[in-house]
N, C-alpha and C. Protein backbone atom coordinates (compact mmCIF):
# COMPACT_ATOMS: atom_id res chain seq x y z
N MET A 1 71.27 -30.43 34.41
CA MET A 1 72.66 -30.80 34.29
C MET A 1 72.89 -31.62 33.02
N GLU A 2 71.94 -32.45 32.67
CA GLU A 2 72.10 -33.30 31.48
C GLU A 2 72.35 -32.46 30.22
N SER A 3 71.64 -31.33 30.08
CA SER A 3 71.82 -30.50 28.88
C SER A 3 73.19 -29.85 28.85
N ILE A 4 73.76 -29.62 30.01
CA ILE A 4 75.10 -29.02 30.09
C ILE A 4 76.16 -30.04 29.72
N LEU A 5 75.91 -31.32 29.99
CA LEU A 5 76.90 -32.36 29.81
C LEU A 5 76.81 -33.10 28.49
N THR A 6 76.20 -32.47 27.48
CA THR A 6 76.14 -33.12 26.17
C THR A 6 77.54 -33.17 25.57
N ASP A 7 77.77 -34.15 24.71
CA ASP A 7 79.08 -34.28 24.06
C ASP A 7 79.46 -33.00 23.31
N GLU A 8 78.48 -32.41 22.63
CA GLU A 8 78.75 -31.21 21.85
C GLU A 8 79.16 -30.04 22.74
N ASN A 9 78.48 -29.87 23.87
CA ASN A 9 78.79 -28.77 24.77
C ASN A 9 80.16 -28.96 25.42
N ILE A 10 80.47 -30.18 25.82
CA ILE A 10 81.77 -30.45 26.43
C ILE A 10 82.88 -30.26 25.40
N GLN A 11 82.66 -30.74 24.18
CA GLN A 11 83.66 -30.57 23.12
C GLN A 11 83.92 -29.08 22.88
N SER A 12 82.87 -28.29 22.83
CA SER A 12 83.01 -26.84 22.64
C SER A 12 83.77 -26.20 23.80
N ALA A 13 83.48 -26.63 25.01
CA ALA A 13 84.15 -26.08 26.20
C ALA A 13 85.64 -26.42 26.19
N VAL A 14 85.97 -27.65 25.83
CA VAL A 14 87.37 -28.07 25.76
C VAL A 14 88.10 -27.26 24.69
N GLU A 15 87.46 -27.07 23.54
CA GLU A 15 88.06 -26.28 22.47
C GLU A 15 88.30 -24.85 22.92
N GLN A 16 87.36 -24.29 23.69
CA GLN A 16 87.51 -22.92 24.18
C GLN A 16 88.69 -22.81 25.14
N VAL A 17 88.85 -23.77 26.03
CA VAL A 17 89.98 -23.75 26.96
C VAL A 17 91.28 -23.87 26.18
N ARG A 18 91.33 -24.76 25.19
CA ARG A 18 92.55 -24.91 24.39
C ARG A 18 92.86 -23.64 23.62
N LYS A 19 91.83 -23.00 23.10
CA LYS A 19 92.01 -21.75 22.34
C LYS A 19 92.57 -20.64 23.24
N ASN A 20 92.08 -20.57 24.46
CA ASN A 20 92.52 -19.54 25.40
C ASN A 20 93.92 -19.80 25.96
N LYS A 21 94.37 -21.05 25.81
CA LYS A 21 95.67 -21.49 26.34
C LYS A 21 95.71 -21.26 27.84
N GLY A 22 96.63 -20.51 28.34
CA GLY A 22 96.71 -20.28 29.77
C GLY A 22 97.65 -21.26 30.45
N ALA A 23 98.00 -20.92 31.65
CA ALA A 23 98.95 -21.70 32.44
C ALA A 23 98.28 -22.93 33.05
N PRO A 24 99.07 -23.96 33.32
CA PRO A 24 98.53 -25.14 34.00
C PRO A 24 98.11 -24.80 35.43
N GLY A 25 97.17 -25.55 35.94
CA GLY A 25 96.76 -25.40 37.33
C GLY A 25 97.67 -26.20 38.24
N ILE A 26 97.18 -26.49 39.42
CA ILE A 26 97.96 -27.18 40.45
C ILE A 26 98.40 -28.57 40.02
N ASP A 27 97.67 -29.20 39.09
CA ASP A 27 98.02 -30.55 38.65
C ASP A 27 99.08 -30.58 37.55
N GLY A 28 99.44 -29.40 37.00
CA GLY A 28 100.47 -29.31 35.97
C GLY A 28 100.00 -29.66 34.57
N MET A 29 98.72 -30.01 34.38
CA MET A 29 98.22 -30.38 33.06
C MET A 29 98.10 -29.15 32.17
N THR A 30 98.62 -29.28 30.95
CA THR A 30 98.55 -28.17 29.99
C THR A 30 97.29 -28.27 29.15
N THR A 31 97.00 -27.19 28.44
CA THR A 31 95.83 -27.20 27.55
C THR A 31 96.03 -28.21 26.42
N ASP A 32 97.28 -28.47 26.02
CA ASP A 32 97.54 -29.46 24.97
C ASP A 32 97.23 -30.88 25.43
N GLN A 33 97.29 -31.13 26.72
CA GLN A 33 97.01 -32.46 27.28
C GLN A 33 95.54 -32.68 27.59
N LEU A 34 94.76 -31.61 27.56
CA LEU A 34 93.36 -31.67 28.00
C LEU A 34 92.51 -32.63 27.18
N MET A 35 92.59 -32.57 25.86
CA MET A 35 91.73 -33.40 25.00
C MET A 35 91.92 -34.88 25.31
N GLN A 36 93.16 -35.33 25.38
CA GLN A 36 93.41 -36.74 25.66
C GLN A 36 92.90 -37.12 27.05
N HIS A 37 93.12 -36.25 28.02
CA HIS A 37 92.65 -36.52 29.38
C HIS A 37 91.12 -36.67 29.40
N MET A 38 90.43 -35.78 28.71
CA MET A 38 88.97 -35.84 28.69
C MET A 38 88.49 -37.12 28.00
N LYS A 39 89.17 -37.54 26.94
CA LYS A 39 88.80 -38.79 26.26
C LYS A 39 88.91 -39.97 27.22
N GLU A 40 89.96 -39.97 28.03
CA GLU A 40 90.21 -41.09 28.93
C GLU A 40 89.36 -41.05 30.20
N HIS A 41 88.97 -39.87 30.66
CA HIS A 41 88.33 -39.75 31.97
C HIS A 41 86.93 -39.14 31.94
N TRP A 42 86.39 -38.85 30.74
CA TRP A 42 85.13 -38.14 30.68
C TRP A 42 83.98 -38.90 31.35
N HIS A 43 83.89 -40.19 31.16
CA HIS A 43 82.76 -40.93 31.74
C HIS A 43 82.73 -40.82 33.26
N GLU A 44 83.89 -40.90 33.89
CA GLU A 44 83.96 -40.77 35.35
C GLU A 44 83.65 -39.34 35.79
N LEU A 45 84.20 -38.35 35.09
CA LEU A 45 83.90 -36.95 35.42
C LEU A 45 82.41 -36.67 35.28
N ARG A 46 81.82 -37.17 34.19
CA ARG A 46 80.39 -36.95 33.95
C ARG A 46 79.56 -37.56 35.07
N ARG A 47 79.91 -38.79 35.46
CA ARG A 47 79.18 -39.46 36.54
C ARG A 47 79.25 -38.63 37.81
N GLN A 48 80.43 -38.15 38.14
CA GLN A 48 80.59 -37.34 39.35
C GLN A 48 79.77 -36.05 39.27
N LEU A 49 79.75 -35.43 38.10
CA LEU A 49 78.97 -34.19 37.95
C LEU A 49 77.47 -34.46 38.10
N VAL A 50 76.99 -35.51 37.48
CA VAL A 50 75.56 -35.85 37.57
C VAL A 50 75.17 -36.21 39.00
N GLU A 51 76.04 -36.96 39.68
CA GLU A 51 75.74 -37.38 41.06
C GLU A 51 76.01 -36.29 42.10
N GLY A 52 76.67 -35.22 41.68
CA GLY A 52 76.97 -34.14 42.62
C GLY A 52 78.16 -34.41 43.51
N THR A 53 79.01 -35.36 43.10
CA THR A 53 80.17 -35.70 43.92
C THR A 53 81.47 -35.10 43.39
N TYR A 54 81.40 -34.42 42.24
CA TYR A 54 82.61 -33.82 41.67
C TYR A 54 83.07 -32.66 42.55
N ARG A 55 84.36 -32.60 42.81
CA ARG A 55 84.94 -31.50 43.58
C ARG A 55 86.10 -30.91 42.78
N PRO A 56 86.04 -29.62 42.48
CA PRO A 56 87.15 -28.99 41.75
C PRO A 56 88.44 -29.09 42.55
N GLN A 57 89.53 -29.09 41.83
CA GLN A 57 90.84 -29.11 42.46
C GLN A 57 91.15 -27.73 43.04
N PRO A 58 92.04 -27.65 44.01
CA PRO A 58 92.46 -26.34 44.51
C PRO A 58 93.09 -25.54 43.38
N VAL A 59 92.99 -24.22 43.45
CA VAL A 59 93.62 -23.38 42.44
C VAL A 59 95.09 -23.17 42.79
N ARG A 60 95.89 -22.97 41.75
CA ARG A 60 97.31 -22.66 41.95
C ARG A 60 97.43 -21.16 42.14
N ARG A 61 98.09 -20.76 43.19
CA ARG A 61 98.27 -19.33 43.51
C ARG A 61 99.59 -18.84 42.92
N VAL A 62 99.48 -17.71 42.22
CA VAL A 62 100.66 -17.07 41.63
C VAL A 62 100.64 -15.61 42.03
N GLY A 63 101.76 -15.09 42.47
CA GLY A 63 101.87 -13.68 42.82
C GLY A 63 102.30 -12.86 41.62
N ILE A 64 101.52 -11.84 41.28
CA ILE A 64 101.83 -10.94 40.18
C ILE A 64 102.26 -9.60 40.79
N PRO A 65 103.49 -9.15 40.51
CA PRO A 65 103.93 -7.87 41.08
C PRO A 65 103.10 -6.70 40.56
N LYS A 66 102.72 -5.80 41.45
CA LYS A 66 101.99 -4.59 41.08
C LYS A 66 103.01 -3.49 40.76
N PRO A 67 102.68 -2.60 39.81
CA PRO A 67 103.59 -1.50 39.49
C PRO A 67 103.86 -0.60 40.70
N SER A 68 102.86 -0.47 41.55
CA SER A 68 102.99 0.41 42.71
C SER A 68 103.60 -0.31 43.92
N GLY A 69 104.06 -1.52 43.72
CA GLY A 69 104.60 -2.31 44.82
C GLY A 69 103.58 -3.31 45.32
N GLY A 70 104.03 -4.28 46.00
CA GLY A 70 103.13 -5.31 46.50
C GLY A 70 102.90 -6.39 45.45
N VAL A 71 102.03 -7.30 45.78
CA VAL A 71 101.76 -8.45 44.91
C VAL A 71 100.26 -8.68 44.85
N ARG A 72 99.78 -8.96 43.65
CA ARG A 72 98.38 -9.34 43.47
C ARG A 72 98.34 -10.84 43.30
N GLU A 73 97.53 -11.51 44.11
CA GLU A 73 97.39 -12.97 44.04
C GLU A 73 96.44 -13.33 42.90
N LEU A 74 96.88 -14.27 42.09
CA LEU A 74 96.08 -14.77 40.98
C LEU A 74 95.85 -16.25 41.21
N GLY A 75 94.61 -16.70 41.09
CA GLY A 75 94.28 -18.12 41.23
C GLY A 75 94.09 -18.75 39.87
N ILE A 76 94.79 -19.83 39.60
CA ILE A 76 94.72 -20.50 38.30
C ILE A 76 94.09 -21.88 38.50
N PRO A 77 92.86 -22.07 38.00
CA PRO A 77 92.24 -23.40 38.12
C PRO A 77 92.87 -24.39 37.14
N THR A 78 92.66 -25.67 37.39
CA THR A 78 93.14 -26.69 36.45
C THR A 78 92.40 -26.55 35.12
N VAL A 79 93.00 -27.08 34.06
CA VAL A 79 92.35 -26.99 32.75
C VAL A 79 91.06 -27.80 32.72
N VAL A 80 90.99 -28.89 33.46
CA VAL A 80 89.75 -29.67 33.53
C VAL A 80 88.65 -28.83 34.19
N ASP A 81 88.97 -28.18 35.29
CA ASP A 81 87.98 -27.34 35.96
C ASP A 81 87.55 -26.17 35.06
N ARG A 82 88.49 -25.61 34.30
CA ARG A 82 88.13 -24.55 33.36
C ARG A 82 87.16 -25.06 32.30
N ALA A 83 87.41 -26.27 31.79
CA ALA A 83 86.50 -26.84 30.78
C ALA A 83 85.11 -27.05 31.36
N ILE A 84 85.03 -27.54 32.58
CA ILE A 84 83.73 -27.75 33.22
C ILE A 84 83.03 -26.41 33.45
N GLN A 85 83.79 -25.40 33.86
CA GLN A 85 83.21 -24.07 34.04
C GLN A 85 82.64 -23.53 32.74
N TYR A 86 83.39 -23.68 31.64
CA TYR A 86 82.90 -23.23 30.33
C TYR A 86 81.65 -24.00 29.92
N ALA A 87 81.63 -25.30 30.16
CA ALA A 87 80.46 -26.11 29.80
C ALA A 87 79.23 -25.62 30.55
N ILE A 88 79.38 -25.33 31.82
CA ILE A 88 78.24 -24.84 32.61
C ILE A 88 77.81 -23.47 32.11
N LEU A 89 78.76 -22.60 31.82
CA LEU A 89 78.45 -21.27 31.31
C LEU A 89 77.70 -21.36 29.98
N GLN A 90 78.24 -22.14 29.05
CA GLN A 90 77.60 -22.29 27.74
C GLN A 90 76.22 -22.91 27.86
N GLY A 91 76.09 -23.93 28.69
CA GLY A 91 74.81 -24.59 28.86
C GLY A 91 73.78 -23.70 29.52
N SER A 92 74.20 -22.88 30.46
CA SER A 92 73.25 -21.98 31.12
C SER A 92 72.85 -20.84 30.20
N HIS A 93 73.74 -20.40 29.33
CA HIS A 93 73.38 -19.36 28.36
C HIS A 93 72.34 -19.88 27.39
N THR A 94 72.49 -21.11 26.97
CA THR A 94 71.54 -21.73 26.04
C THR A 94 70.16 -21.82 26.67
N ARG A 95 70.10 -22.14 27.95
CA ARG A 95 68.81 -22.30 28.63
C ARG A 95 68.17 -20.98 28.98
N VAL A 96 68.94 -19.96 29.27
CA VAL A 96 68.38 -18.68 29.73
C VAL A 96 68.00 -17.80 28.55
N ARG A 97 68.78 -17.77 27.53
CA ARG A 97 68.60 -16.85 26.42
C ARG A 97 67.18 -16.83 25.85
N PRO A 98 66.56 -17.98 25.52
CA PRO A 98 65.21 -17.92 24.92
C PRO A 98 64.17 -17.25 25.81
N GLY A 99 64.28 -17.42 27.11
CA GLY A 99 63.31 -16.80 28.02
C GLY A 99 63.45 -15.30 28.14
N LEU A 100 64.58 -14.77 27.74
CA LEU A 100 64.81 -13.33 27.85
C LEU A 100 64.25 -12.56 26.66
N LEU A 101 63.97 -13.23 25.56
CA LEU A 101 63.49 -12.53 24.36
C LEU A 101 62.02 -12.28 24.37
């Protein structure tokens, strides 16, 4: 977990979420607000992740109409949860890739 939570990896994950934009999650936070939020709350989030006490927020459900009728449910995670997901993905790719070659 420590390798996933490096400043460089988190910074890259936050930049990726901001680049992808996307709708706010259940908390209403936009991608433009993410950087400031992470600056203010990163130490607490990191502690929770290391201790295993971090819990993602519920996803916001949005109904997307299907062309054939009906609705497809889409789940939108918060931007903080998206950044954490990217950090884990990037960190796990870094660790797995060398062993595959």
